[in-house]
Amino acid sequence: MESKILKQNKNLSLNRTEYILDVKSEKNPSKLDVIALLKSDAELTVVRQIDGSFGKDTFTIDAIVYNTVADKVKVETIPRKVRKKAVAEAKKAAADARAAGGAK
């Protein structure tokens, strides 16, 4: 898998580095492949888009690497579906804890 950085921009106001990559690969690169190409931490990296054209083996990737997890949490939004799932799991865990405490 060959990669070439087309654009690298340091965004000091949001404490992140923005990348646009051109990757040549036989199959679609995954988010983990992009993280490995950037040699960055998985918790700090957000892959916005992996764009390919039909019949071509080149992909354009838009990715962001934050400086800290706190910066990422402050800027990135969590999708509604993921938030609802987290709330439901927390409620279930609390109900299980109450049931286990009352069963003694």
PDB file of N, CA and C in Angstrom:
ATOM      1  N   MET A   1       0.847  -1.161   0.000  1.00  0.00           N
ATOM      2  CA  MET A   1       0.000   0.000   0.000  1.00  0.00           C
ATOM      3  C   MET A   1       0.905   1.240   0.000  1.00  0.00           C
ATOM      4  N   GLU A   2       0.793   2.029  -1.043  1.00  0.00           N
ATOM      5  CA  GLU A   2       1.567   3.250  -1.163  1.00  0.00           C
ATOM      6  C   GLU A   2       0.717   4.438  -0.730  1.00  0.00           C
ATOM      7  N   SER A   3       1.335   5.380  -0.034  1.00  0.00           N
ATOM      8  CA  SER A   3       0.580   6.555   0.384  1.00  0.00           C
ATOM      9  C   SER A   3       1.391   7.812   0.125  1.00  0.00           C
ATOM     10  N   LYS A   4       0.668   8.879  -0.114  1.00  0.00           N
ATOM     11  CA  LYS A   4       1.292  10.172  -0.369  1.00  0.00           C
ATOM     12  C   LYS A   4       0.436  11.233   0.312  1.00  0.00           C
ATOM     13  N   ILE A   5       1.058  12.093   1.097  1.00  0.00           N
ATOM     14  CA  ILE A   5       0.331  13.157   1.775  1.00  0.00           C
ATOM     15  C   ILE A   5       0.159  14.302   0.785  1.00  0.00           C
ATOM     16  N   LEU A   6      -1.096  14.567   0.414  1.00  0.00           N
ATOM     17  CA  LEU A   6      -1.383  15.663  -0.506  1.00  0.00           C
ATOM     18  C   LEU A   6      -1.416  16.999   0.226  1.00  0.00           C
ATOM     19  N   LYS A   7      -1.966  16.992   1.437  1.00  0.00           N
ATOM     20  CA  LYS A   7      -2.089  18.230   2.202  1.00  0.00           C
ATOM     21  C   LYS A   7      -1.999  17.907   3.686  1.00  0.00           C
ATOM     22  N   GLN A   8      -1.211  18.694   4.401  1.00  0.00           N
ATOM     23  CA  GLN A   8      -1.094  18.562   5.848  1.00  0.00           C
ATOM     24  C   GLN A   8      -1.208  19.959   6.432  1.00  0.00           C
ATOM     25  N   ASN A   9      -2.203  20.157   7.299  1.00  0.00           N
ATOM     26  CA  ASN A   9      -2.474  21.472   7.855  1.00  0.00           C
ATOM     27  C   ASN A   9      -2.530  21.385   9.369  1.00  0.00           C
ATOM     28  N   LYS A  10      -1.703  22.171  10.042  1.00  0.00           N
ATOM     29  CA  LYS A  10      -1.762  22.246  11.508  1.00  0.00           C
ATOM     30  C   LYS A  10      -2.798  23.292  11.882  1.00  0.00           C
ATOM     31  N   ASN A  11      -3.837  22.876  12.576  1.00  0.00           N
ATOM     32  CA  ASN A  11      -4.890  23.783  13.024  1.00  0.00           C
ATOM     33  C   ASN A  11      -4.648  24.045  14.505  1.00  0.00           C
ATOM     34  N   LEU A  12      -4.014  25.164  14.800  1.00  0.00           N
ATOM     35  CA  LEU A  12      -3.636  25.472  16.180  1.00  0.00           C
ATOM     36  C   LEU A  12      -4.827  25.859  17.045  1.00  0.00           C
ATOM     37  N   SER A  13      -5.864  26.412  16.447  1.00  0.00           N
ATOM     38  CA  SER A  13      -7.023  26.807  17.248  1.00  0.00           C
ATOM     39  C   SER A  13      -7.800  25.604  17.762  1.00  0.00           C
ATOM     40  N   LEU A  14      -7.789  24.494  17.011  1.00  0.00           N
ATOM     41  CA  LEU A  14      -8.493  23.283  17.450  1.00  0.00           C
ATOM     42  C   LEU A  14      -7.537  22.194  17.941  1.00  0.00           C
ATOM     43  N   ASN A  15      -6.250  22.506  17.995  1.00  0.00           N
ATOM     44  CA  ASN A  15      -5.217  21.575  18.485  1.00  0.00           C
ATOM     45  C   ASN A  15      -5.248  20.245  17.740  1.00  0.00           C
ATOM     46  N   ARG A  16      -5.137  20.331  16.411  1.00  0.00           N
ATOM     47  CA  ARG A  16      -5.161  19.118  15.611  1.00  0.00           C
ATOM     48  C   ARG A  16      -4.372  19.322  14.325  1.00  0.00           C
ATOM     49  N   THR A  17      -4.057  18.203  13.678  1.00  0.00           N
ATOM     50  CA  THR A  17      -3.413  18.212  12.372  1.00  0.00           C
ATOM     51  C   THR A  17      -4.361  17.545  11.395  1.00  0.00           C
ATOM     52  N   GLU A  18      -4.636  18.223  10.288  1.00  0.00           N
ATOM     53  CA  GLU A  18      -5.574  17.718   9.293  1.00  0.00           C
ATOM     54  C   GLU A  18      -4.779  17.197   8.094  1.00  0.00           C
ATOM     55  N   TYR A  19      -5.145  16.012   7.630  1.00  0.00           N
ATOM     56  CA  TYR A  19      -4.432  15.369   6.526  1.00  0.00           C
ATOM     57  C   TYR A  19      -5.386  15.064   5.378  1.00  0.00           C
ATOM     58  N   ILE A  20      -4.879  15.181   4.166  1.00  0.00           N
ATOM     59  CA  ILE A  20      -5.530  14.630   2.987  1.00  0.00           C
ATOM     60  C   ILE A  20      -4.489  13.739   2.332  1.00  0.00           C
ATOM     61  N   LEU A  21      -4.805  12.451   2.251  1.00  0.00           N
ATOM     62  CA  LEU A  21      -3.868  11.448   1.743  1.00  0.00           C
ATOM     63  C   LEU A  21      -4.355  10.878   0.420  1.00  0.00           C
ATOM     64  N   ASP A  22      -3.412  10.454  -0.379  1.00  0.00           N
ATOM     65  CA  ASP A  22      -3.703   9.716  -1.602  1.00  0.00           C
ATOM     66  C   ASP A  22      -3.075   8.339  -1.424  1.00  0.00           C
ATOM     67  N   VAL A  23      -3.900   7.298  -1.387  1.00  0.00           N
ATOM     68  CA  VAL A  23      -3.421   5.948  -1.117  1.00  0.00           C
ATOM     69  C   VAL A  23      -3.686   5.072  -2.331  1.00  0.00           C
ATOM     70  N   LYS A  24      -2.666   4.301  -2.720  1.00  0.00           N
ATOM     71  CA  LYS A  24      -2.818   3.358  -3.821  1.00  0.00           C
ATOM     72  C   LYS A  24      -2.851   1.953  -3.212  1.00  0.00           C
ATOM     73  N   SER A  25      -3.981   1.275  -3.397  1.00  0.00           N
ATOM     74  CA  SER A  25      -4.173  -0.035  -2.800  1.00  0.00           C
ATOM     75  C   SER A  25      -5.136  -0.840  -3.662  1.00  0.00           C
ATOM     76  N   GLU A  26      -5.025  -2.163  -3.601  1.00  0.00           N
ATOM     77  CA  GLU A  26      -5.913  -3.018  -4.383  1.00  0.00           C
ATOM     78  C   GLU A  26      -7.311  -3.115  -3.781  1.00  0.00           C
ATOM     79  N   LYS A  27      -7.420  -2.918  -2.468  1.00  0.00           N
ATOM     80  CA  LYS A  27      -8.724  -2.973  -1.805  1.00  0.00           C
ATOM     81  C   LYS A  27      -8.908  -1.709  -0.972  1.00  0.00           C
ATOM     82  N   ASN A  28     -10.130  -1.476  -0.566  1.00  0.00           N
ATOM     83  CA  ASN A  28     -10.423  -0.285   0.237  1.00  0.00           C
ATOM     84  C   ASN A  28      -9.630  -0.311   1.531  1.00  0.00           C
ATOM     85  N   PRO A  29      -8.904   0.755   1.839  1.00  0.00           N
ATOM     86  CA  PRO A  29      -8.197   0.793   3.120  1.00  0.00           C
ATOM     87  C   PRO A  29      -9.195   1.000   4.257  1.00  0.00           C
ATOM     88  N   SER A  30      -8.957   0.328   5.359  1.00  0.00           N
ATOM     89  CA  SER A  30      -9.830   0.486   6.526  1.00  0.00           C
ATOM     90  C   SER A  30      -9.320   1.645   7.376  1.00  0.00           C
ATOM     91  N   LYS A  31     -10.093   1.990   8.396  1.00  0.00           N
ATOM     92  CA  LYS A  31      -9.678   3.052   9.300  1.00  0.00           C
ATOM     93  C   LYS A  31      -8.396   2.671  10.033  1.00  0.00           C
ATOM     94  N   LEU A  32      -8.252   1.387  10.363  1.00  0.00           N
ATOM     95  CA  LEU A  32      -7.032   0.936  11.027  1.00  0.00           C
ATOM     96  C   LEU A  32      -5.828   1.047  10.109  1.00  0.00           C
ATOM     97  N   ASP A  33      -6.024   0.802   8.803  1.00  0.00           N
ATOM     98  CA  ASP A  33      -4.942   0.979   7.843  1.00  0.00           C
ATOM     99  C   ASP A  33      -4.498   2.438   7.780  1.00  0.00           C
ATOM    100  N   VAL A  34      -5.456   3.348   7.809  1.00  0.00           N
ATOM    101  CA  VAL A  34      -5.144   4.782   7.756  1.00  0.00           C
ATOM    102  C   VAL A  34      -4.384   5.189   9.014  1.00  0.00           C
ATOM    103  N   ILE A  35      -4.801   4.691  10.167  1.00  0.00           N
ATOM    104  CA  ILE A  35      -4.112   5.000  11.424  1.00  0.00           C
ATOM    105  C   ILE A  35      -2.677   4.496  11.375  1.00  0.00           C
ATOM    106  N   ALA A  36      -2.480   3.305  10.793  1.00  0.00           N
ATOM    107  CA  ALA A  36      -1.132   2.766  10.658  1.00  0.00           C
ATOM    108  C   ALA A  36      -0.297   3.605   9.691  1.00  0.00           C
ATOM    109  N   LEU A  37      -0.902   4.085   8.614  1.00  0.00           N
ATOM    110  CA  LEU A  37      -0.180   4.931   7.662  1.00  0.00           C
ATOM    111  C   LEU A  37       0.264   6.244   8.304  1.00  0.00           C
ATOM    112  N   LEU A  38      -0.602   6.819   9.127  1.00  0.00           N
ATOM    113  CA  LEU A  38      -0.285   8.088   9.784  1.00  0.00           C
ATOM    114  C   LEU A  38       0.625   7.899  10.996  1.00  0.00           C
ATOM    115  N   LYS A  39       0.763   6.659  11.456  1.00  0.00           N
ATOM    116  CA  LYS A  39       1.563   6.332  12.645  1.00  0.00           C
ATOM    117  C   LYS A  39       1.091   7.160  13.840  1.00  0.00           C
ATOM    118  N   SER A  40      -0.224   7.122  14.062  1.00  0.00           N
ATOM    119  CA  SER A  40      -0.815   7.896  15.146  1.00  0.00           C
ATOM    120  C   SER A  40      -1.592   6.976  16.090  1.00  0.00           C
ATOM    121  N   ASP A  41      -2.044   7.546  17.190  1.00  0.00           N
ATOM    122  CA  ASP A  41      -2.815   6.812  18.187  1.00  0.00           C
ATOM    123  C   ASP A  41      -4.268   6.685  17.709  1.00  0.00           C
ATOM    124  N   ALA A  42      -4.865   5.527  17.908  1.00  0.00           N
ATOM    125  CA  ALA A  42      -6.237   5.282  17.450  1.00  0.00           C
ATOM    126  C   ALA A  42      -7.246   6.162  18.186  1.00  0.00           C
ATOM    127  N   GLU A  43      -6.981   6.483  19.439  1.00  0.00           N
ATOM    128  CA  GLU A  43      -7.906   7.320  20.216  1.00  0.00           C
ATOM    129  C   GLU A  43      -7.882   8.772  19.763  1.00  0.00           C
ATOM    130  N   LEU A  44      -6.779   9.198  19.149  1.00  0.00           N
ATOM    131  CA  LEU A  44      -6.624  10.590  18.751  1.00  0.00           C
ATOM    132  C   LEU A  44      -6.951  10.837  17.283  1.00  0.00           C
ATOM    133  N   THR A  45      -7.204   9.778  16.529  1.00  0.00           N
ATOM    134  CA  THR A  45      -7.387   9.892  15.087  1.00  0.00           C
ATOM    135  C   THR A  45      -8.850   9.743  14.702  1.00  0.00           C
ATOM    136  N   VAL A  46      -9.307  10.631  13.821  1.00  0.00           N
ATOM    137  CA  VAL A  46     -10.650  10.573  13.262  1.00  0.00           C
ATOM    138  C   VAL A  46     -10.498  10.498  11.746  1.00  0.00           C
ATOM    139  N   VAL A  47     -11.019   9.435  11.142  1.00  0.00           N
ATOM    140  CA  VAL A  47     -11.003   9.304   9.691  1.00  0.00           C
ATOM    141  C   VAL A  47     -12.353   9.789   9.201  1.00  0.00           C
ATOM    142  N   ARG A  48     -12.348  10.932   8.539  1.00  0.00           N
ATOM    143  CA  ARG A  48     -13.594  11.542   8.090  1.00  0.00           C
ATOM    144  C   ARG A  48     -14.174  10.834   6.874  1.00  0.00           C
ATOM    145  N   GLN A  49     -13.311  10.565   5.868  1.00  0.00           N
ATOM    146  CA  GLN A  49     -13.826  10.032   4.622  1.00  0.00           C
ATOM    147  C   GLN A  49     -12.745   9.235   3.910  1.00  0.00           C
ATOM    148  N   ILE A  50     -13.163   8.122   3.327  1.00  0.00           N
ATOM    149  CA  ILE A  50     -12.320   7.332   2.437  1.00  0.00           C
ATOM    150  C   ILE A  50     -13.061   7.288   1.113  1.00  0.00           C
ATOM    151  N   ASP A  51     -12.530   7.983   0.120  1.00  0.00           N
ATOM    152  CA  ASP A  51     -13.223   8.165  -1.146  1.00  0.00           C
ATOM    153  C   ASP A  51     -12.460   7.466  -2.263  1.00  0.00           C
ATOM    154  N   GLY A  52     -13.135   6.585  -2.976  1.00  0.00           N
ATOM    155  CA  GLY A  52     -12.533   5.888  -4.100  1.00  0.00           C
ATOM    156  C   GLY A  52     -13.422   5.972  -5.320  1.00  0.00           C
ATOM    157  N   SER A  53     -12.838   5.794  -6.476  1.00  0.00           N
ATOM    158  CA  SER A  53     -13.595   5.789  -7.723  1.00  0.00           C
ATOM    159  C   SER A  53     -13.680   4.368  -8.241  1.00  0.00           C
ATOM    160  N   PHE A  54     -14.812   4.042  -8.841  1.00  0.00           N
ATOM    161  CA  PHE A  54     -15.028   2.694  -9.340  1.00  0.00           C
ATOM    162  C   PHE A  54     -13.997   2.362 -10.411  1.00  0.00           C
ATOM    163  N   GLY A  55     -13.364   1.211 -10.248  1.00  0.00           N
ATOM    164  CA  GLY A  55     -12.405   0.736 -11.235  1.00  0.00           C
ATOM    165  C   GLY A  55     -11.002   1.262 -11.059  1.00  0.00           C
ATOM    166  N   LYS A  56     -10.777   2.119 -10.087  1.00  0.00           N
ATOM    167  CA  LYS A  56      -9.440   2.660  -9.855  1.00  0.00           C
ATOM    168  C   LYS A  56      -8.923   2.159  -8.513  1.00  0.00           C
ATOM    169  N   ASP A  57      -7.622   2.097  -8.403  1.00  0.00           N
ATOM    170  CA  ASP A  57      -7.028   1.595  -7.165  1.00  0.00           C
ATOM    171  C   ASP A  57      -6.433   2.718  -6.320  1.00  0.00           C
ATOM    172  N   THR A  58      -6.880   3.948  -6.529  1.00  0.00           N
ATOM    173  CA  THR A  58      -6.420   5.064  -5.702  1.00  0.00           C
ATOM    174  C   THR A  58      -7.582   5.585  -4.864  1.00  0.00           C
ATOM    175  N   PHE A  59      -7.279   5.942  -3.646  1.00  0.00           N
ATOM    176  CA  PHE A  59      -8.283   6.413  -2.688  1.00  0.00           C
ATOM    177  C   PHE A  59      -7.808   7.727  -2.088  1.00  0.00           C
ATOM    178  N   THR A  60      -8.729   8.654  -1.909  1.00  0.00           N
ATOM    179  CA  THR A  60      -8.443   9.913  -1.244  1.00  0.00           C
ATOM    180  C   THR A  60      -9.031   9.828   0.165  1.00  0.00           C
ATOM    181  N   ILE A  61      -8.195  10.110   1.142  1.00  0.00           N
ATOM    182  CA  ILE A  61      -8.586   9.945   2.547  1.00  0.00           C
ATOM    183  C   ILE A  61      -8.462  11.287   3.263  1.00  0.00           C
ATOM    184  N   ASP A  62      -9.500  11.633   4.006  1.00  0.00           N
ATOM    185  CA  ASP A  62      -9.523  12.835   4.824  1.00  0.00           C
ATOM    186  C   ASP A  62      -9.483  12.396   6.290  1.00  0.00           C
ATOM    187  N   ALA A  63      -8.410  12.754   6.991  1.00  0.00           N
ATOM    188  CA  ALA A  63      -8.234  12.309   8.379  1.00  0.00           C
ATOM    189  C   ALA A  63      -7.757  13.467   9.244  1.00  0.00           C
ATOM    190  N   ILE A  64      -8.039  13.354  10.546  1.00  0.00           N
ATOM    191  CA  ILE A  64      -7.644  14.361  11.529  1.00  0.00           C
ATOM    192  C   ILE A  64      -6.982  13.649  12.701  1.00  0.00           C
ATOM    193  N   VAL A  65      -5.862  14.208  13.176  1.00  0.00           N
ATOM    194  CA  VAL A  65      -5.182  13.685  14.357  1.00  0.00           C
ATOM    195  C   VAL A  65      -5.143  14.799  15.402  1.00  0.00           C
ATOM    196  N   TYR A  66      -5.776  14.563  16.543  1.00  0.00           N
ATOM    197  CA  TYR A  66      -5.821  15.538  17.629  1.00  0.00           C
ATOM    198  C   TYR A  66      -4.587  15.393  18.515  1.00  0.00           C
ATOM    199  N   ASN A  67      -4.253  16.471  19.240  1.00  0.00           N
ATOM    200  CA  ASN A  67      -3.101  16.446  20.138  1.00  0.00           C
ATOM    201  C   ASN A  67      -3.399  15.655  21.409  1.00  0.00           C
ATOM    202  N   THR A  68      -4.613  15.825  21.971  1.00  0.00           N
ATOM    203  CA  THR A  68      -4.986  15.119  23.197  1.00  0.00           C
ATOM    204  C   THR A  68      -6.419  14.609  23.074  1.00  0.00           C
ATOM    205  N   VAL A  69      -6.774  13.683  23.927  1.00  0.00           N
ATOM    206  CA  VAL A  69      -8.136  13.154  23.942  1.00  0.00           C
ATOM    207  C   VAL A  69      -9.123  14.248  24.353  1.00  0.00           C
ATOM    208  N   ALA A  70      -8.721  15.120  25.262  1.00  0.00           N
ATOM    209  CA  ALA A  70      -9.600  16.209  25.702  1.00  0.00           C
ATOM    210  C   ALA A  70      -9.942  17.141  24.538  1.00  0.00           C
ATOM    211  N   ASP A  71      -8.972  17.405  23.680  1.00  0.00           N
ATOM    212  CA  ASP A  71      -9.237  18.240  22.502  1.00  0.00           C
ATOM    213  C   ASP A  71     -10.216  17.555  21.559  1.00  0.00           C
ATOM    214  N   LYS A  72     -10.079  16.264  21.399  1.00  0.00           N
ATOM    215  CA  LYS A  72     -10.981  15.515  20.521  1.00  0.00           C
ATOM    216  C   LYS A  72     -12.403  15.525  21.073  1.00  0.00           C
ATOM    217  N   VAL A  73     -12.550  15.311  22.368  1.00  0.00           N
ATOM    218  CA  VAL A  73     -13.875  15.284  22.991  1.00  0.00           C
ATOM    219  C   VAL A  73     -14.544  16.652  22.891  1.00  0.00           C
ATOM    220  N   LYS A  74     -13.756  17.714  23.022  1.00  0.00           N
ATOM    221  CA  LYS A  74     -14.292  19.060  22.979  1.00  0.00           C
ATOM    222  C   LYS A  74     -14.828  19.415  21.584  1.00  0.00           C
ATOM    223  N   VAL A  75     -14.201  18.907  20.518  1.00  0.00           N
ATOM    224  CA  VAL A  75     -14.542  19.307  19.163  1.00  0.00           C
ATOM    225  C   VAL A  75     -15.493  18.323  18.479  1.00  0.00           C
ATOM    226  N   GLU A  76     -15.224  17.042  18.576  1.00  0.00           N
ATOM    227  CA  GLU A  76     -15.994  16.030  17.849  1.00  0.00           C
ATOM    228  C   GLU A  76     -17.334  15.775  18.526  1.00  0.00           C
ATOM    229  N   THR A  77     -18.361  15.574  17.713  1.00  0.00           N
ATOM    230  CA  THR A  77     -19.677  15.235  18.236  1.00  0.00           C
ATOM    231  C   THR A  77     -19.879  13.732  18.182  1.00  0.00           C
ATOM    232  N   ILE A  78     -20.672  13.234  19.114  1.00  0.00           N
ATOM    233  CA  ILE A  78     -20.996  11.811  19.151  1.00  0.00           C
ATOM    234  C   ILE A  78     -22.354  11.639  18.489  1.00  0.00           C
ATOM    235  N   PRO A  79     -22.489  10.717  17.540  1.00  0.00           N
ATOM    236  CA  PRO A  79     -23.775  10.527  16.866  1.00  0.00           C
ATOM    237  C   PRO A  79     -24.879  10.160  17.858  1.00  0.00           C
ATOM    238  N   ARG A  80     -26.080  10.579  17.547  1.00  0.00           N
ATOM    239  CA  ARG A  80     -27.230  10.361  18.421  1.00  0.00           C
ATOM    240  C   ARG A  80     -27.437   8.880  18.713  1.00  0.00           C
ATOM    241  N   LYS A  81     -27.272   8.044  17.709  1.00  0.00           N
ATOM    242  CA  LYS A  81     -27.470   6.602  17.883  1.00  0.00           C
ATOM    243  C   LYS A  81     -26.497   6.042  18.920  1.00  0.00           C
ATOM    244  N   VAL A  82     -25.248   6.480  18.877  1.00  0.00           N
ATOM    245  CA  VAL A  82     -24.235   6.004  19.824  1.00  0.00           C
ATOM    246  C   VAL A  82     -24.534   6.528  21.227  1.00  0.00           C
ATOM    247  N   ARG A  83     -24.966   7.811  21.322  1.00  0.00           N
ATOM    248  CA  ARG A  83     -25.316   8.370  22.637  1.00  0.00           C
ATOM    249  C   ARG A  83     -26.465   7.615  23.273  1.00  0.00           C
ATOM    250  N   LYS A  84     -27.522   7.320  22.488  1.00  0.00           N
ATOM    251  CA  LYS A  84     -28.674   6.582  23.015  1.00  0.00           C
ATOM    252  C   LYS A  84     -28.271   5.196  23.491  1.00  0.00           C
ATOM    253  N   LYS A  85     -27.397   4.542  22.732  1.00  0.00           N
ATOM    254  CA  LYS A  85     -26.950   3.205  23.112  1.00  0.00           C
ATOM    255  C   LYS A  85     -26.168   3.256  24.422  1.00  0.00           C
ATOM    256  N   ALA A  86     -25.328   4.251  24.599  1.00  0.00           N
ATOM    257  CA  ALA A  86     -24.547   4.392  25.834  1.00  0.00           C
ATOM    258  C   ALA A  86     -25.456   4.651  27.030  1.00  0.00           C
ATOM    259  N   VAL A  87     -26.479   5.482  26.851  1.00  0.00           N
ATOM    260  CA  VAL A  87     -27.425   5.768  27.940  1.00  0.00           C
ATOM    261  C   VAL A  87     -28.199   4.510  28.306  1.00  0.00           C
ATOM    262  N   ALA A  88     -28.639   3.739  27.304  1.00  0.00           N
ATOM    263  CA  ALA A  88     -29.384   2.510  27.561  1.00  0.00           C
ATOM    264  C   ALA A  88     -28.519   1.489  28.306  1.00  0.00           C
ATOM    265  N   GLU A  89     -27.248   1.382  27.913  1.00  0.00           N
ATOM    266  CA  GLU A  89     -26.349   0.456  28.603  1.00  0.00           C
ATOM    267  C   GLU A  89     -26.105   0.888  30.043  1.00  0.00           C
ATOM    268  N   ALA A  90     -26.000   2.184  30.276  1.00  0.00           N
ATOM    269  CA  ALA A  90     -25.792   2.682  31.640  1.00  0.00           C
ATOM    270  C   ALA A  90     -27.005   2.405  32.511  1.00  0.00           C
ATOM    271  N   LYS A  91     -28.211   2.600  31.960  1.00  0.00           N
ATOM    272  CA  LYS A  91     -29.428   2.306  32.712  1.00  0.00           C
ATOM    273  C   LYS A  91     -29.524   0.823  33.040  1.00  0.00           C
ATOM    274  N   LYS A  92     -29.181  -0.022  32.069  1.00  0.00           N
ATOM    275  CA  LYS A  92     -29.238  -1.473  32.290  1.00  0.00           C
ATOM    276  C   LYS A  92     -28.236  -1.891  33.352  1.00  0.00           C
ATOM    277  N   ALA A  93     -27.038  -1.322  33.316  1.00  0.00           N
ATOM    278  CA  ALA A  93     -26.018  -1.652  34.310  1.00  0.00           C
ATOM    279  C   ALA A  93     -26.464  -1.213  35.704  1.00  0.00           C
ATOM    280  N   ALA A  94     -27.091  -0.045  35.796  1.00  0.00           N
ATOM    281  CA  ALA A  94     -27.581   0.432  37.091  1.00  0.00           C
ATOM    282  C   ALA A  94     -28.698  -0.463  37.604  1.00  0.00           C
ATOM    283  N   ALA A  95     -29.592  -0.903  36.716  1.00  0.00           N
ATOM    284  CA  ALA A  95     -30.683  -1.792  37.122  1.00  0.00           C
ATOM    285  C   ALA A  95     -30.146  -3.144  37.571  1.00  0.00           C
ATOM    286  N   ASP A  96     -29.148  -3.656  36.875  1.00  0.00           N
ATOM    287  CA  ASP A  96     -28.524  -4.928  37.265  1.00  0.00           C
ATOM    288  C   ASP A  96     -27.826  -4.808  38.618  1.00  0.00           C
ATOM    289  N   ALA A  97     -27.192  -3.660  38.851  1.00  0.00           N
ATOM    290  CA  ALA A  97     -26.500  -3.458  40.122  1.00  0.00           C
ATOM    291  C   ALA A  97     -27.516  -3.390  41.277  1.00  0.00           C
ATOM    292  N   ARG A  98     -28.644  -2.722  41.031  1.00  0.00           N
ATOM    293  CA  ARG A  98     -29.680  -2.660  42.067  1.00  0.00           C
ATOM    294  C   ARG A  98     -30.276  -4.032  42.336  1.00  0.00           C
ATOM    295  N   ALA A  99     -30.489  -4.808  41.257  1.00  0.00           N
ATOM    296  CA  ALA A  99     -31.065  -6.142  41.410  1.00  0.00           C
ATOM    297  C   ALA A  99     -30.088  -7.062  42.147  1.00  0.00           C
ATOM    298  N   ALA A 100     -28.815  -6.933  41.858  1.00  0.00           N
ATOM    299  CA  ALA A 100     -27.823  -7.773  42.537  1.00  0.00           C
ATOM    300  C   ALA A 100     -27.678  -7.356  43.994  1.00  0.00           C
ATOM    301  N   GLY A 101     -27.799  -6.074  44.275  1.00  0.00           N
ATOM    302  CA  GLY A 101     -27.698  -5.593  45.662  1.00  0.00           C
ATOM    303  C   GLY A 101     -28.897  -5.994  46.475  1.00  0.00           C
ATOM    304  N   GLY A 102     -30.081  -6.037  45.868  1.00  0.00           N
ATOM    305  CA  GLY A 102     -31.298  -6.396  46.575  1.00  0.00           C
ATOM    306  C   GLY A 102     -31.465  -7.901  46.737  1.00  0.00           C
ATOM    307  N   ALA A 103     -30.748  -8.695  45.954  1.00  0.00           N
ATOM    308  CA  ALA A 103     -30.868 -10.144  45.991  1.00  0.00           C
ATOM    309  C   ALA A 103     -30.084 -10.767  47.137  1.00  0.00           C
ATOM    310  N   LYS A 104     -29.258 -10.011  47.796  1.00  0.00           N
ATOM    311  CA  LYS A 104     -28.430 -10.570  48.873  1.00  0.00           C
ATOM    312  C   LYS A 104     -29.225 -10.998  50.043  1.00  0.00           C
TER     313      LYS A 104
END
